[in-house]
C-alpha atoms as a PDB file:
ATOM      1  CA  MET A   1     228.033  35.170  78.684  1.00  0.00           C
ATOM      2  CA  LYS A   2     228.226  38.714  77.366  1.00  0.00           C
ATOM      3  CA  GLU A   3     230.467  39.733  80.273  1.00  0.00           C
ATOM      4  CA  LEU A   4     232.759  36.766  79.671  1.00  0.00           C
ATOM      5  CA  GLY A   5     232.942  37.581  75.951  1.00  0.00           C
ATOM      6  CA  ASP A   6     233.760  41.240  76.724  1.00  0.00           C
ATOM      7  CA  TYR A   7     236.499  40.142  79.104  1.00  0.00           C
ATOM      8  CA  LEU A   8     238.035  37.831  76.489  1.00  0.00           C
ATOM      9  CA  ARG A   9     237.903  40.577  73.848  1.00  0.00           C
ATOM     10  CA  LYS A  10     239.609  43.090  76.205  1.00  0.00           C
ATOM     11  CA  VAL A  11     242.358  40.591  77.012  1.00  0.00           C
ATOM     12  CA  ARG A  12     242.895  39.897  73.315  1.00  0.00           C
ATOM     13  CA  ILE A  13     243.162  43.613  72.549  1.00  0.00           C
ATOM     14  CA  SER A  14     245.478  44.226  75.517  1.00  0.00           C
ATOM     15  CA  ASN A  15     247.739  41.408  74.245  1.00  0.00           C
ATOM     16  CA  GLY A  16     247.886  43.183  70.889  1.00  0.00           C
ATOM     17  CA  VAL A  17     246.334  40.321  68.918  1.00  0.00           C
ATOM     18  CA  SER A  18     243.964  41.082  66.061  1.00  0.00           C
ATOM     19  CA  ILE A  19     240.843  39.041  65.587  1.00  0.00           C
ATOM     20  CA  THR A  20     242.076  37.656  62.254  1.00  0.00           C
ATOM     21  CA  GLU A  21     245.393  36.636  63.797  1.00  0.00           C
ATOM     22  CA  ALA A  22     243.614  34.838  66.632  1.00  0.00           C
ATOM     23  CA  CYS A  23     241.321  33.083  64.157  1.00  0.00           C
ATOM     24  CA  GLU A  24     244.270  31.860  62.121  1.00  0.00           C
ATOM     25  CA  ASP A  25     246.159  30.656  65.196  1.00  0.00           C
ATOM     26  CA  LEU A  26     243.151  28.863  66.691  1.00  0.00           C
ATOM     27  CA  ASN A  27     241.687  27.573  63.428  1.00  0.00           C
ATOM     28  CA  PHE A  28     238.399  29.354  64.216  1.00  0.00           C
ATOM     29  CA  SER A  29     236.290  31.216  61.726  1.00  0.00           C
ATOM     30  CA  THR A  30     236.001  34.949  62.256  1.00  0.00           C
ATOM     31  CA  SER A  31     232.276  34.660  62.890  1.00  0.00           C
ATOM     32  CA  GLN A  32     232.849  32.063  65.621  1.00  0.00           C
ATOM     33  CA  LEU A  33     235.315  34.261  67.468  1.00  0.00           C
ATOM     34  CA  GLU A  34     233.130  37.342  67.078  1.00  0.00           C
ATOM     35  CA  ASN A  35     230.125  35.423  68.432  1.00  0.00           C
ATOM     36  CA  ILE A  36     232.169  34.273  71.442  1.00  0.00           C
ATOM     37  CA  GLU A  37     233.259  37.827  72.172  1.00  0.00           C
ATOM     38  CA  MET A  38     229.704  39.149  71.769  1.00  0.00           C
ATOM     39  CA  GLY A  39     228.302  36.388  73.980  1.00  0.00           C
ATOM     40  CA  ASN A  40     226.034  35.074  71.234  1.00  0.00           C
ATOM     41  CA  VAL A  41     225.372  31.522  72.385  1.00  0.00           C
ATOM     42  CA  LYS A  42     222.652  30.905  69.800  1.00  0.00           C
ATOM     43  CA  ALA A  43     225.196  31.031  66.975  1.00  0.00           C
ATOM     44  CA  PHE A  44     226.550  27.658  68.106  1.00  0.00           C
ATOM     45  CA  LYS A  45     224.740  24.375  67.630  1.00  0.00           C
ATOM     46  CA  ASP A  46     226.064  22.775  70.774  1.00  0.00           C
ATOM     47  CA  VAL A  47     226.996  24.439  74.093  1.00  0.00           C
ATOM     48  CA  TYR A  48     229.662  21.803  74.699  1.00  0.00           C
ATOM     49  CA  GLU A  49     231.307  22.772  71.450  1.00  0.00           C
ATOM     50  CA  LEU A  50     231.128  26.413  72.560  1.00  0.00           C
ATOM     51  CA  ARG A  51     232.706  25.492  75.888  1.00  0.00           C
ATOM     52  CA  ASN A  52     235.626  23.866  74.047  1.00  0.00           C
ATOM     53  CA  TYR A  53     236.053  27.005  71.936  1.00  0.00           C
ATOM     54  CA  VAL A  54     236.060  29.193  75.059  1.00  0.00           C
ATOM     55  CA  ASN A  55     238.558  26.865  76.753  1.00  0.00           C
ATOM     56  CA  ASN A  56     240.919  26.947  73.753  1.00  0.00           C
ATOM     57  CA  TYR A  57     240.533  30.720  73.407  1.00  0.00           C
ATOM     58  CA  ALA A  58     241.333  31.274  77.101  1.00  0.00           C
ATOM     59  CA  LYS A  59     244.470  29.112  76.809  1.00  0.00           C
ATOM     60  CA  TYR A  60     245.501  31.025  73.697  1.00  0.00           C
ATOM     61  CA  LEU A  61     245.153  34.340  75.534  1.00  0.00           C
ATOM     62  CA  GLY A  62     247.269  33.036  78.424  1.00  0.00           C
ATOM     63  CA  LEU A  63     244.408  33.019  80.938  1.00  0.00           C
ATOM     64  CA  ASP A  64     243.592  30.376  83.520  1.00  0.00           C
ATOM     65  CA  ALA A  65     241.380  28.181  81.333  1.00  0.00           C
ATOM     66  CA  ASP A  66     239.787  26.403  84.307  1.00  0.00           C
ATOM     67  CA  THR A  67     238.584  29.707  85.779  1.00  0.00           C
ATOM     68  CA  ILE A  68     237.174  30.845  82.435  1.00  0.00           C
ATOM     69  CA  VAL A  69     235.439  27.488  81.900  1.00  0.00           C
ATOM     70  CA  ASP A  70     234.004  27.708  85.443  1.00  0.00           C
ATOM     71  CA  GLU A  71     232.599  31.134  84.550  1.00  0.00           C
ATOM     72  CA  PHE A  72     231.138  29.665  81.396  1.00  0.00           C
ATOM     73  CA  ASN A  73     229.655  26.744  83.353  1.00  0.00           C
ATOM     74  CA  GLY A  74     228.096  29.247  85.763  1.00  0.00           C
ATOM     75  CA  PHE A  75     226.480  30.961  82.817  1.00  0.00           C
ATOM     76  CA  LEU A  76     225.249  27.600  81.545  1.00  0.00           C
ATOM     77  CA  PHE A  77     223.798  26.758  84.943  1.00  0.00           C
ATOM     78  CA  GLN A  78     221.928  30.054  85.092  1.00  0.00           C
ATOM     79  CA  HIS A  79     220.742  29.605  81.535  1.00  0.00           C
ATOM     80  CA  THR A  80     219.680  25.966  81.869  1.00  0.00           C
ATOM     81  CA  SER A  81     218.033  26.380  85.260  1.00  0.00           C
ATOM     82  CA  LYS A  82     215.431  28.555  83.530  1.00  0.00           C
ATOM     83  CA  ILE A  83     214.466  25.720  81.192  1.00  0.00           C
ATOM     84  CA  SER A  84     211.373  23.748  82.178  1.00  0.00           C
ATOM     85  CA  LEU A  85     211.519  19.997  82.756  1.00  0.00           C
ATOM     86  CA  ASP A  86     209.161  19.424  79.830  1.00  0.00           C
ATOM     87  CA  ASP A  87     211.602  21.169  77.495  1.00  0.00           C
ATOM     88  CA  ILE A  88     214.482  19.081  78.852  1.00  0.00           C
ATOM     89  CA  ARG A  89     212.520  15.844  78.389  1.00  0.00           C
ATOM     90  CA  GLU A  90     211.514  16.866  74.874  1.00  0.00           C
ATOM     91  CA  ALA A  91     215.156  17.582  74.014  1.00  0.00           C
ATOM     92  CA  GLN A  92     216.194  14.209  75.439  1.00  0.00           C
ATOM     93  CA  ASN A  93     213.509  12.435  73.399  1.00  0.00           C
ATOM     94  CA  LYS A  94     214.687  14.165  70.217  1.00  0.00           C
ATOM     95  CA  LYS A  95     218.271  13.221  71.001  1.00  0.00           C
ATOM     96  CA  GLU A  96     217.284   9.582  71.587  1.00  0.00           C
ATOM     97  CA  GLU A  97     215.394   9.530  68.279  1.00  0.00           C
ATOM     98  CA  LEU A  98     218.472  10.852  66.498  1.00  0.00           C
ATOM     99  CA  MET A  99     220.671   8.301  68.237  1.00  0.00           C
ATOM    100  CA  ASN A 100     218.308   5.481  67.228  1.00  0.00           C
ATOM    101  CA  ASP A 101     218.514   6.617  63.627  1.00  0.00           C
ATOM    102  CA  LYS A 102     222.315   6.678  63.758  1.00  0.00           C
ATOM    103  CA  LYS A 103     222.791   3.254  65.330  1.00  0.00           C
ATOM    104  CA  VAL A 104     225.704   1.259  64.030  1.00  0.00           C
ATOM    105  CA  LYS A 105     224.355  -1.674  62.118  1.00  0.00           C
ATOM    106  CA  SER A 106     226.590  -4.673  62.192  1.00  0.00           C
ATOM    107  CA  PRO A 107     225.891  -8.391  62.568  1.00  0.00           C
ATOM    108  CA  TYR A 108     226.662  -8.034  66.259  1.00  0.00           C
ATOM    109  CA  THR A 109     224.228  -5.180  66.982  1.00  0.00           C
ATOM    110  CA  LEU A 110     221.309  -6.106  64.733  1.00  0.00           C
ATOM    111  CA  GLU A 111     218.104  -7.070  66.414  1.00  0.00           C
ATOM    112  CA  TYR A 112     216.655 -10.103  64.743  1.00  0.00           C
ATOM    113  CA  LYS A 113     212.930 -10.496  64.382  1.00  0.00           C
ATOM    114  CA  GLU A 114     211.334 -13.893  64.515  1.00  0.00           C
ATOM    115  CA  LYS A 115     210.702 -15.134  60.997  1.00  0.00           C
ATOM    116  CA  VAL A 116     207.153 -16.070  60.139  1.00  0.00           C
ATOM    117  CA  SER A 117     206.774 -19.405  58.375  1.00  0.00           C
ATOM    118  CA  LEU A 118     204.776 -19.290  55.142  1.00  0.00           C
ATOM    119  CA  TRP A 119     204.196 -23.037  54.964  1.00  0.00           C
ATOM    120  CA  PRO A 120     200.815 -22.946  56.762  1.00  0.00           C
ATOM    121  CA  VAL A 121     199.587 -20.340  54.287  1.00  0.00           C
ATOM    122  CA  PHE A 122     200.752 -22.498  51.390  1.00  0.00           C
ATOM    123  CA  TYR A 123     199.002 -25.596  52.768  1.00  0.00           C
ATOM    124  CA  ILE A 124     195.759 -23.756  53.446  1.00  0.00           C
ATOM    125  CA  THR A 125     195.786 -22.299  49.929  1.00  0.00           C
ATOM    126  CA  LEU A 126     196.394 -25.728  48.446  1.00  0.00           C
ATOM    127  CA  ILE A 127     193.563 -27.296  50.461  1.00  0.00           C
ATOM    128  CA  VAL A 128     191.131 -24.540  49.479  1.00  0.00           C
ATOM    129  CA  PHE A 129     192.074 -24.974  45.825  1.00  0.00           C
ATOM    130  CA  PHE A 130     191.491 -28.736  45.848  1.00  0.00           C
ATOM    131  CA  LEU A 131     188.226 -28.440  47.773  1.00  0.00           C
ATOM    132  CA  SER A 132     186.911 -25.860  45.336  1.00  0.00           C
ATOM    133  CA  LEU A 133     187.941 -28.084  42.401  1.00  0.00           C
ATOM    134  CA  ILE A 134     186.127 -31.093  43.893  1.00  0.00           C
ATOM    135  CA  ILE A 135     183.001 -29.031  44.589  1.00  0.00           C
ATOM    136  CA  TYR A 136     183.037 -27.677  41.026  1.00  0.00           C
ATOM    137  CA  LEU A 137     183.350 -31.150  39.504  1.00  0.00           C
ATOM    138  CA  VAL A 138     180.593 -32.596  41.674  1.00  0.00           C
ATOM    139  CA  LEU A 139     178.192 -29.729  40.938  1.00  0.00           C
ATOM    140  CA  SER A 140     178.909 -29.716  37.217  1.00  0.00           C
ATOM    141  CA  ASN A 141     178.168 -33.459  36.959  1.00  0.00           C
ATOM    142  CA  MET A 142     175.025 -33.389  39.084  1.00  0.00           C
ATOM    143  CA  ASN A 143     172.945 -31.257  36.714  1.00  0.00           C
ATOM    144  CA  LYS A 144     174.139 -32.917  33.549  1.00  0.00           C
ATOM    145  CA  VAL A 145     171.654 -34.965  31.525  1.00  0.00           C
ATOM    146  CA  PRO A 146     173.255 -38.187  30.479  1.00  0.00           C
ATOM    147  CA  GLU A 147     173.758 -38.640  26.775  1.00  0.00           C
ATOM    148  CA  ARG A 148     171.662 -41.230  25.010  1.00  0.00           C
ATOM    149  CA  THR A 149     173.723 -44.255  24.481  1.00  0.00           C
ATOM    150  CA  ASP A 150     171.102 -46.837  23.782  1.00  0.00           C
ATOM    151  CA  GLU A 151     171.529 -48.958  20.774  1.00  0.00           C
ATOM    152  CA  LEU A 152     168.111 -48.177  19.469  1.00  0.00           C
ATOM    153  CA  TYR A 153     168.808 -44.524  19.043  1.00  0.00           C
ATOM    154  CA  ASN A 154     169.798 -44.912  15.422  1.00  0.00           C
ATOM    155  CA  ILE A 155     166.908 -47.206  14.723  1.00  0.00           C
ATOM    156  CA  VAL A 156     164.351 -44.844  16.229  1.00  0.00           C
ATOM    157  CA  GLU A 157     165.678 -42.089  14.057  1.00  0.00           C
ATOM    158  CA  LYS A 158     165.410 -44.179  10.951  1.00  0.00           C
ATOM    159  CA  GLU A 159     161.823 -45.201  11.758  1.00  0.00           C
ATOM    160  CA  SER A 160     160.833 -41.572  12.108  1.00  0.00           C
ATOM    161  CA  ILE A 161     162.283 -40.926   8.693  1.00  0.00           C
ATOM    162  CA  TYR A 162     160.238 -43.779   7.245  1.00  0.00           C
ATOM    163  CA  GLU A 163     157.076 -42.524   8.825  1.00  0.00           C
ATOM    164  CA  PHE A 164     157.282 -39.341   6.891  1.00  0.00           C
ATOM    165  CA  THR A 165     157.826 -41.120   3.622  1.00  0.00           C
ATOM    166  CA  TYR A 166     154.577 -43.247   3.673  1.00  0.00           C
END
C-alpha cells in the first residue's frame, strides 16, 4: 500500500495540486489524504471505506481508477492472506453480534416468544391457601377444651360459697 500511496502522491504533485486543494475538492480531511499517501491502512476503520477513498482519489487525479483499485485489491489480498482462519472467524462472530444488536425492530421482524399462562400458578396458590386454612381450623378446634355450659354451673358456685359461710 505504501507504493500505491507514493504513486498517488507523485501524481498529485506532478499535476500541481496541493494536498489542501485536493482535500477541499474531494471532501476528505487532510489526515485521511495524508494516510492514503503514506499507505497507513490502520488509520481507517474499514478497508472498504479506504478502497472507496482510493477510487475517488484516483478519479480525481485523472488516473484509471479500475487499475488503481486492482492494485489496492492486490494489496488487500496479500494482507488478508496472512490472517489466520481463527482471526477471520472471530471477526465474523463480532460482526454478527453487532448486527444482532442493530436489528431493525418492527412488528414484522419481531420474534414472539410463547406466553406463559399464570392461571395454574394462581389456582395452585388458592388451593394451598384454602387447605392451610382448613388444617389450621381443624387443629385449633381439636385441642380446645369445651366451655362449661351446664345449667348447674351457677348453682355449684353458689353452694361452694355457702360452704365457706357455715
